[in-house]
C-alpha atoms as a PDB file:
ATOM      1  CA  MET A   1      88.719  39.180 137.851  1.00  0.00           C
ATOM      2  CA  THR A   2      85.960  39.431 135.209  1.00  0.00           C
ATOM      3  CA  ALA A   3      86.060  36.854 132.257  1.00  0.00           C
ATOM      4  CA  SER A   4      88.212  39.116 130.156  1.00  0.00           C
ATOM      5  CA  GLY A   5      90.582  39.599 132.736  1.00  0.00           C
ATOM      6  CA  GLY A   6      89.616  43.665 134.184  1.00  0.00           C
ATOM      7  CA  ARG A   7      89.703  43.896 137.859  1.00  0.00           C
ATOM      8  CA  THR A   8      85.671  44.286 139.565  1.00  0.00           C
ATOM      9  CA  GLY A   9      85.492  46.421 142.530  1.00  0.00           C
ATOM     10  CA  ARG A  10      83.558  49.845 143.979  1.00  0.00           C
ATOM     11  CA  PRO A  11      83.578  51.989 140.954  1.00  0.00           C
ATOM     12  CA  PRO A  12      85.338  55.085 141.430  1.00  0.00           C
ATOM     13  CA  LEU A  13      83.860  58.303 143.291  1.00  0.00           C
ATOM     14  CA  THR A  14      82.377  61.123 141.340  1.00  0.00           C
ATOM     15  CA  GLU A  15      83.677  64.608 141.661  1.00  0.00           C
ATOM     16  CA  GLN A  16      80.362  65.431 142.964  1.00  0.00           C
ATOM     17  CA  ARG A  17      80.548  62.616 145.501  1.00  0.00           C
ATOM     18  CA  LYS A  18      83.809  63.383 146.512  1.00  0.00           C
ATOM     19  CA  ALA A  19      82.741  67.387 147.360  1.00  0.00           C
ATOM     20  CA  GLU A  20      79.314  66.425 149.214  1.00  0.00           C
ATOM     21  CA  ILE A  21      82.061  63.743 151.519  1.00  0.00           C
ATOM     22  CA  ARG A  22      84.329  66.566 151.984  1.00  0.00           C
ATOM     23  CA  LEU A  23      81.340  68.476 153.240  1.00  0.00           C
ATOM     24  CA  GLU A  24      80.133  65.595 155.521  1.00  0.00           C
ATOM     25  CA  ILE A  25      83.496  65.773 157.031  1.00  0.00           C
ATOM     26  CA  ALA A  26      83.582  69.617 157.342  1.00  0.00           C
ATOM     27  CA  GLN A  27      80.277  69.477 158.979  1.00  0.00           C
ATOM     28  CA  ALA A  28      81.523  66.742 161.455  1.00  0.00           C
ATOM     29  CA  ALA A  29      84.618  68.230 162.691  1.00  0.00           C
ATOM     30  CA  VAL A  30      82.810  71.666 163.255  1.00  0.00           C
ATOM     31  CA  ASP A  31      80.219  69.629 165.371  1.00  0.00           C
ATOM     32  CA  LEU A  32      83.331  68.063 167.223  1.00  0.00           C
ATOM     33  CA  PHE A  33      85.244  70.868 167.662  1.00  0.00           C
ATOM     34  CA  VAL A  34      82.497  73.119 168.960  1.00  0.00           C
ATOM     35  CA  GLY A  35      81.379  70.034 171.408  1.00  0.00           C
ATOM     36  CA  GLN A  36      84.609  69.122 172.883  1.00  0.00           C
ATOM     37  CA  GLY A  37      87.489  71.462 171.629  1.00  0.00           C
ATOM     38  CA  VAL A  38      89.747  71.100 168.868  1.00  0.00           C
ATOM     39  CA  ALA A  39      92.717  69.925 171.039  1.00  0.00           C
ATOM     40  CA  ALA A  40      90.426  67.013 172.279  1.00  0.00           C
ATOM     41  CA  THR A  41      88.990  66.274 168.705  1.00  0.00           C
ATOM     42  CA  THR A  42      90.871  63.610 166.450  1.00  0.00           C
ATOM     43  CA  GLY A  43      90.527  62.340 163.017  1.00  0.00           C
ATOM     44  CA  GLU A  44      89.384  58.866 163.749  1.00  0.00           C
ATOM     45  CA  GLN A  45      86.503  60.627 165.554  1.00  0.00           C
ATOM     46  CA  ILE A  46      85.796  62.719 162.683  1.00  0.00           C
ATOM     47  CA  GLY A  47      85.821  59.979 160.385  1.00  0.00           C
ATOM     48  CA  GLN A  48      83.304  57.838 162.729  1.00  0.00           C
ATOM     49  CA  ALA A  49      81.003  60.697 162.625  1.00  0.00           C
ATOM     50  CA  VAL A  50      80.698  60.448 158.972  1.00  0.00           C
ATOM     51  CA  GLY A  51      80.804  57.015 158.633  1.00  0.00           C
ATOM     52  CA  VAL A  52      84.396  56.441 157.120  1.00  0.00           C
ATOM     53  CA  SER A  53      87.665  55.878 158.339  1.00  0.00           C
ATOM     54  CA  ALA A  54      90.694  57.882 159.449  1.00  0.00           C
ATOM     55  CA  ARG A  55      92.627  57.223 156.394  1.00  0.00           C
ATOM     56  CA  THR A  56      89.565  58.636 154.339  1.00  0.00           C
ATOM     57  CA  VAL A  57      89.885  62.035 156.456  1.00  0.00           C
ATOM     58  CA  TRP A  58      93.508  62.068 156.013  1.00  0.00           C
ATOM     59  CA  ARG A  59      93.320  61.248 152.091  1.00  0.00           C
ATOM     60  CA  TYR A  60      90.729  64.446 151.546  1.00  0.00           C
ATOM     61  CA  PHE A  61      92.418  66.836 154.176  1.00  0.00           C
ATOM     62  CA  PRO A  62      96.295  67.431 155.711  1.00  0.00           C
ATOM     63  CA  SER A  63      95.316  68.393 159.058  1.00  0.00           C
ATOM     64  CA  LYS A  64      91.918  68.171 161.149  1.00  0.00           C
ATOM     65  CA  GLU A  65      91.552  71.793 161.170  1.00  0.00           C
ATOM     66  CA  SER A  66      91.841  71.842 157.531  1.00  0.00           C
ATOM     67  CA  CYS A  67      88.628  69.743 157.711  1.00  0.00           C
ATOM     68  CA  VAL A  68      86.665  73.011 157.981  1.00  0.00           C
ATOM     69  CA  ARG A  69      87.447  74.745 154.611  1.00  0.00           C
ATOM     70  CA  PRO A  70      84.797  73.385 152.541  1.00  0.00           C
ATOM     71  CA  LEU A  71      82.511  75.529 154.926  1.00  0.00           C
ATOM     72  CA  LEU A  72      84.625  78.363 154.740  1.00  0.00           C
ATOM     73  CA  THR A  73      85.112  78.629 150.493  1.00  0.00           C
ATOM     74  CA  ALA A  74      81.610  77.931 149.473  1.00  0.00           C
ATOM     75  CA  GLY A  75      80.923  81.536 148.954  1.00  0.00           C
ATOM     76  CA  ILE A  76      84.072  82.204 147.054  1.00  0.00           C
ATOM     77  CA  ASP A  77      82.996  81.672 143.651  1.00  0.00           C
ATOM     78  CA  SER A  78      79.540  83.322 144.386  1.00  0.00           C
ATOM     79  CA  ILE A  79      80.743  86.233 145.677  1.00  0.00           C
ATOM     80  CA  ALA A  80      83.242  86.676 142.000  1.00  0.00           C
ATOM     81  CA  VAL A  81      80.178  86.267 139.751  1.00  0.00           C
ATOM     82  CA  CYS A  82      78.565  88.706 141.690  1.00  0.00           C
ATOM     83  CA  LEU A  83      81.619  91.284 140.798  1.00  0.00           C
ATOM     84  CA  ARG A  84      82.355  90.058 137.347  1.00  0.00           C
ATOM     85  CA  GLU A  85      78.704  90.862 137.082  1.00  0.00           C
ATOM     86  CA  TRP A  86      78.536  94.120 138.440  1.00  0.00           C
ATOM     87  CA  SER A  87      77.622  97.096 136.016  1.00  0.00           C
ATOM     88  CA  PRO A  88      79.268 100.336 135.581  1.00  0.00           C
ATOM     89  CA  GLY A  89      77.568 102.926 137.210  1.00  0.00           C
ATOM     90  CA  ARG A  90      75.283 100.663 138.876  1.00  0.00           C
ATOM     91  CA  PRO A  91      75.469  99.980 143.078  1.00  0.00           C
ATOM     92  CA  LEU A  92      77.133  96.860 143.446  1.00  0.00           C
ATOM     93  CA  GLY A  93      73.645  95.710 145.650  1.00  0.00           C
ATOM     94  CA  ASP A  94      71.690  95.277 142.619  1.00  0.00           C
ATOM     95  CA  ALA A  95      74.182  92.613 141.225  1.00  0.00           C
ATOM     96  CA  PHE A  96      73.794  90.785 144.770  1.00  0.00           C
ATOM     97  CA  ALA A  97      70.096  91.521 144.620  1.00  0.00           C
ATOM     98  CA  ARG A  98      69.604  89.375 141.293  1.00  0.00           C
ATOM     99  CA  MET A  99      72.005  86.704 142.012  1.00  0.00           C
ATOM    100  CA  GLU A 100      69.854  86.463 145.524  1.00  0.00           C
ATOM    101  CA  SER A 101      66.282  86.309 143.506  1.00  0.00           C
ATOM    102  CA  GLU A 102      67.802  84.256 140.962  1.00  0.00           C
ATOM    103  CA  GLN A 103      68.864  81.650 143.781  1.00  0.00           C
ATOM    104  CA  ARG A 104      72.508  81.861 142.278  1.00  0.00           C
ATOM    105  CA  LEU A 105      73.574  83.355 145.601  1.00  0.00           C
ATOM    106  CA  VAL A 106      76.021  81.251 148.075  1.00  0.00           C
ATOM    107  CA  VAL A 107      76.751  82.251 151.276  1.00  0.00           C
ATOM    108  CA  GLY A 108      77.853  78.678 152.828  1.00  0.00           C
ATOM    109  CA  PRO A 109      75.941  75.440 153.687  1.00  0.00           C
ATOM    110  CA  ASP A 110      74.773  76.408 156.814  1.00  0.00           C
ATOM    111  CA  PRO A 111      75.104  80.178 158.153  1.00  0.00           C
ATOM    112  CA  ALA A 112      74.842  78.604 161.748  1.00  0.00           C
ATOM    113  CA  THR A 113      77.560  76.200 161.155  1.00  0.00           C
ATOM    114  CA  VAL A 114      80.124  78.832 159.695  1.00  0.00           C
ATOM    115  CA  GLY A 115      79.024  81.236 162.501  1.00  0.00           C
ATOM    116  CA  ALA A 116      80.491  78.480 165.224  1.00  0.00           C
ATOM    117  CA  LEU A 117      83.143  78.065 163.526  1.00  0.00           C
ATOM    118  CA  VAL A 118      84.327  81.748 163.513  1.00  0.00           C
ATOM    119  CA  ARG A 119      83.507  82.013 167.081  1.00  0.00           C
ATOM    120  CA  LEU A 120      85.994  79.570 167.312  1.00  0.00           C
ATOM    121  CA  THR A 121      88.622  81.049 165.311  1.00  0.00           C
ATOM    122  CA  ARG A 122      88.845  83.767 168.026  1.00  0.00           C
ATOM    123  CA  THR A 123      90.376  80.707 170.235  1.00  0.00           C
ATOM    124  CA  GLU A 124      92.020  78.358 168.378  1.00  0.00           C
ATOM    125  CA  PRO A 125      95.101  79.197 166.334  1.00  0.00           C
ATOM    126  CA  GLY A 126      95.033  76.365 164.092  1.00  0.00           C
ATOM    127  CA  LEU A 127      91.609  77.467 162.746  1.00  0.00           C
ATOM    128  CA  ARG A 128      92.219  81.341 162.751  1.00  0.00           C
ATOM    129  CA  ALA A 129      95.119  80.033 160.387  1.00  0.00           C
ATOM    130  CA  VAL A 130      93.067  78.311 157.652  1.00  0.00           C
ATOM    131  CA  TRP A 131      90.358  81.322 157.995  1.00  0.00           C
ATOM    132  CA  LEU A 132      92.791  83.735 157.207  1.00  0.00           C
ATOM    133  CA  GLN A 133      94.451  81.431 154.374  1.00  0.00           C
ATOM    134  CA  THR A 134      90.911  81.028 152.990  1.00  0.00           C
ATOM    135  CA  TYR A 135      90.595  85.014 152.283  1.00  0.00           C
ATOM    136  CA  ASP A 136      94.322  84.809 150.994  1.00  0.00           C
ATOM    137  CA  GLU A 137      92.866  82.316 148.381  1.00  0.00           C
ATOM    138  CA  ALA A 138      89.930  84.490 147.646  1.00  0.00           C
ATOM    139  CA  GLU A 139      91.760  87.496 146.952  1.00  0.00           C
ATOM    140  CA  PRO A 140      93.568  86.882 143.296  1.00  0.00           C
ATOM    141  CA  VAL A 141      89.572  85.100 142.343  1.00  0.00           C
ATOM    142  CA  PHE A 142      88.211  88.633 143.305  1.00  0.00           C
ATOM    143  CA  ALA A 143      90.894  90.106 141.338  1.00  0.00           C
ATOM    144  CA  ARG A 144      90.317  88.443 138.018  1.00  0.00           C
ATOM    145  CA  ALA A 145      86.653  88.776 138.531  1.00  0.00           C
ATOM    146  CA  LEU A 146      87.427  92.846 138.482  1.00  0.00           C
ATOM    147  CA  ALA A 147      89.854  92.832 135.851  1.00  0.00           C
ATOM    148  CA  ASP A 148      87.305  91.158 133.766  1.00  0.00           C
ATOM    149  CA  ARG A 149      84.493  93.143 134.942  1.00  0.00           C
ATOM    150  CA  ALA A 150      87.092  96.583 133.970  1.00  0.00           C
ATOM    151  CA  GLY A 151      88.400  94.598 130.611  1.00  0.00           C
ATOM    152  CA  LEU A 152      91.911  95.612 131.875  1.00  0.00           C
ATOM    153  CA  PRO A 153      95.119  93.663 130.952  1.00  0.00           C
ATOM    154  CA  ALA A 154      96.241  90.779 132.787  1.00  0.00           C
ATOM    155  CA  GLY A 155      99.254  92.502 135.283  1.00  0.00           C
ATOM    156  CA  ASP A 156      97.530  95.528 135.829  1.00  0.00           C
ATOM    157  CA  PHE A 157      97.534  95.782 140.001  1.00  0.00           C
ATOM    158  CA  ARG A 158      94.361  97.894 140.609  1.00  0.00           C
ATOM    159  CA  PRO A 159      92.230  94.474 140.346  1.00  0.00           C
ATOM    160  CA  ALA A 160      94.574  93.589 143.384  1.00  0.00           C
ATOM    161  CA  ILE A 161      94.199  96.207 145.567  1.00  0.00           C
ATOM    162  CA  GLN A 162      90.289  96.326 144.716  1.00  0.00           C
ATOM    163  CA  ALA A 163      90.308  92.834 145.587  1.00  0.00           C
ATOM    164  CA  ALA A 164      91.882  93.602 148.998  1.00  0.00           C
ATOM    165  CA  MET A 165      89.147  95.705 149.738  1.00  0.00           C
ATOM    166  CA  PHE A 166      86.530  93.603 148.935  1.00  0.00           C
ATOM    167  CA  ASN A 167      88.304  90.673 150.456  1.00  0.00           C
ATOM    168  CA  ALA A 168      88.580  92.880 153.786  1.00  0.00           C
ATOM    169  CA  ALA A 169      85.167  94.312 154.118  1.00  0.00           C
ATOM    170  CA  LEU A 170      83.894  90.241 153.175  1.00  0.00           C
ATOM    171  CA  ARG A 171      85.867  88.982 156.212  1.00  0.00           C
ATOM    172  CA  ALA A 172      84.113  91.860 158.490  1.00  0.00           C
ATOM    173  CA  ALA A 173      81.069  91.175 157.740  1.00  0.00           C
ATOM    174  CA  VAL A 174      81.001  87.624 158.066  1.00  0.00           C
ATOM    175  CA  GLU A 175      83.124  87.887 161.548  1.00  0.00           C
ATOM    176  CA  HIS A 176      80.728  90.703 162.618  1.00  0.00           C
ATOM    177  CA  HIS A 177      77.273  88.506 161.809  1.00  0.00           C
ATOM    178  CA  ALA A 178      79.200  85.654 163.525  1.00  0.00           C
ATOM    179  CA  TRP A 179      80.096  87.368 166.602  1.00  0.00           C
ATOM    180  CA  HIS A 180      76.917  89.042 167.269  1.00  0.00           C
ATOM    181  CA  VAL A 181      74.756  86.041 165.947  1.00  0.00           C
ATOM    182  CA  GLU A 182      73.740  83.772 168.831  1.00  0.00           C
ATOM    183  CA  ASP A 183      73.521  79.564 167.031  1.00  0.00           C
ATOM    184  CA  ASP A 184      69.831  79.262 168.583  1.00  0.00           C
ATOM    185  CA  ALA A 185      68.613  83.535 168.288  1.00  0.00           C
ATOM    186  CA  THR A 186      66.752  82.649 164.999  1.00  0.00           C
ATOM    187  CA  ASP A 187      65.442  80.447 162.768  1.00  0.00           C
ATOM    188  CA  PRO A 188      67.770  78.872 159.467  1.00  0.00           C
ATOM    189  CA  ALA A 189      66.173  80.998 156.993  1.00  0.00           C
ATOM    190  CA  THR A 190      66.662  84.354 158.729  1.00  0.00           C
ATOM    191  CA  THR A 191      70.068  83.632 159.965  1.00  0.00           C
ATOM    192  CA  ARG A 192      70.861  82.749 156.215  1.00  0.00           C
ATOM    193  CA  ALA A 193      68.926  86.200 155.233  1.00  0.00           C
ATOM    194  CA  GLU A 194      70.799  88.099 157.918  1.00  0.00           C
ATOM    195  CA  LEU A 195      74.405  86.461 156.979  1.00  0.00           C
ATOM    196  CA  ALA A 196      73.334  87.756 152.758  1.00  0.00           C
ATOM    197  CA  GLU A 197      72.319  91.361 154.131  1.00  0.00           C
ATOM    198  CA  ALA A 198      75.916  91.797 156.165  1.00  0.00           C
ATOM    199  CA  VAL A 199      77.502  90.602 153.155  1.00  0.00           C
ATOM    200  CA  ARG A 200      75.546  92.611 150.792  1.00  0.00           C
ATOM    201  CA  SER A 201      76.093  95.587 152.829  1.00  0.00           C
ATOM    202  CA  ALA A 202      80.006  95.254 153.208  1.00  0.00           C
ATOM    203  CA  LEU A 203      80.471  95.088 149.656  1.00  0.00           C
ATOM    204  CA  GLU A 204      78.339  98.232 149.223  1.00  0.00           C
ATOM    205  CA  VAL A 205      80.682 100.017 151.541  1.00  0.00           C
ATOM    206  CA  ALA A 206      83.788  98.871 150.083  1.00  0.00           C
ATOM    207  CA  SER A 207      82.604  99.420 146.449  1.00  0.00           C
ATOM    208  CA  GLU A 208      81.986 103.325 147.452  1.00  0.00           C
ATOM    209  CA  GLY A 209      84.350 105.366 144.754  1.00  0.00           C
ATOM    210  CA  LEU A 210      84.817 102.288 142.754  1.00  0.00           C
ATOM    211  CA  ARG A 211      82.447 103.162 139.511  1.00  0.00           C
END
């Protein structure tokens, strides 16, 4: 107790630090999943790899499979901004390229790790469910961005249809890249550039006919 009667102790974590811890847990979970499989991995092992307790892991995530979510959701806001800034009559790739040049584009903290994770979704139903849920939750974010771009009122269903197209294209691009690039095939910078190009190409294909 302090002299004024207040409690002393560890100060509360900032939102930035909480996000960092979530990302650290996600990275550790993927490393363990790749190394020994999902079934053999425990919350205790994930926590030990990060230096926190299993209780802390479960405070941030409801299951060990859901620990990977921060690695999958990192690029959603960037893609939404790209769609919102896409000027009518201009290729979507222009907006994408501008975000890349301004270093505002986030396609994932570590494309190689994301690739390894996506490959695991082929054989791990729990991870596949998290992967698909991530895209399901991204779709309304993309729809809002497209509605803002077009100045459409709330409730117009056209942005929802367009968002579904972009969402499917985005998932196809990430899966194609993950399933055709080995972990050690290229250096990290090249892997990141190749993933960004795959995403750009997929969004361009989906944007054909949408002006």
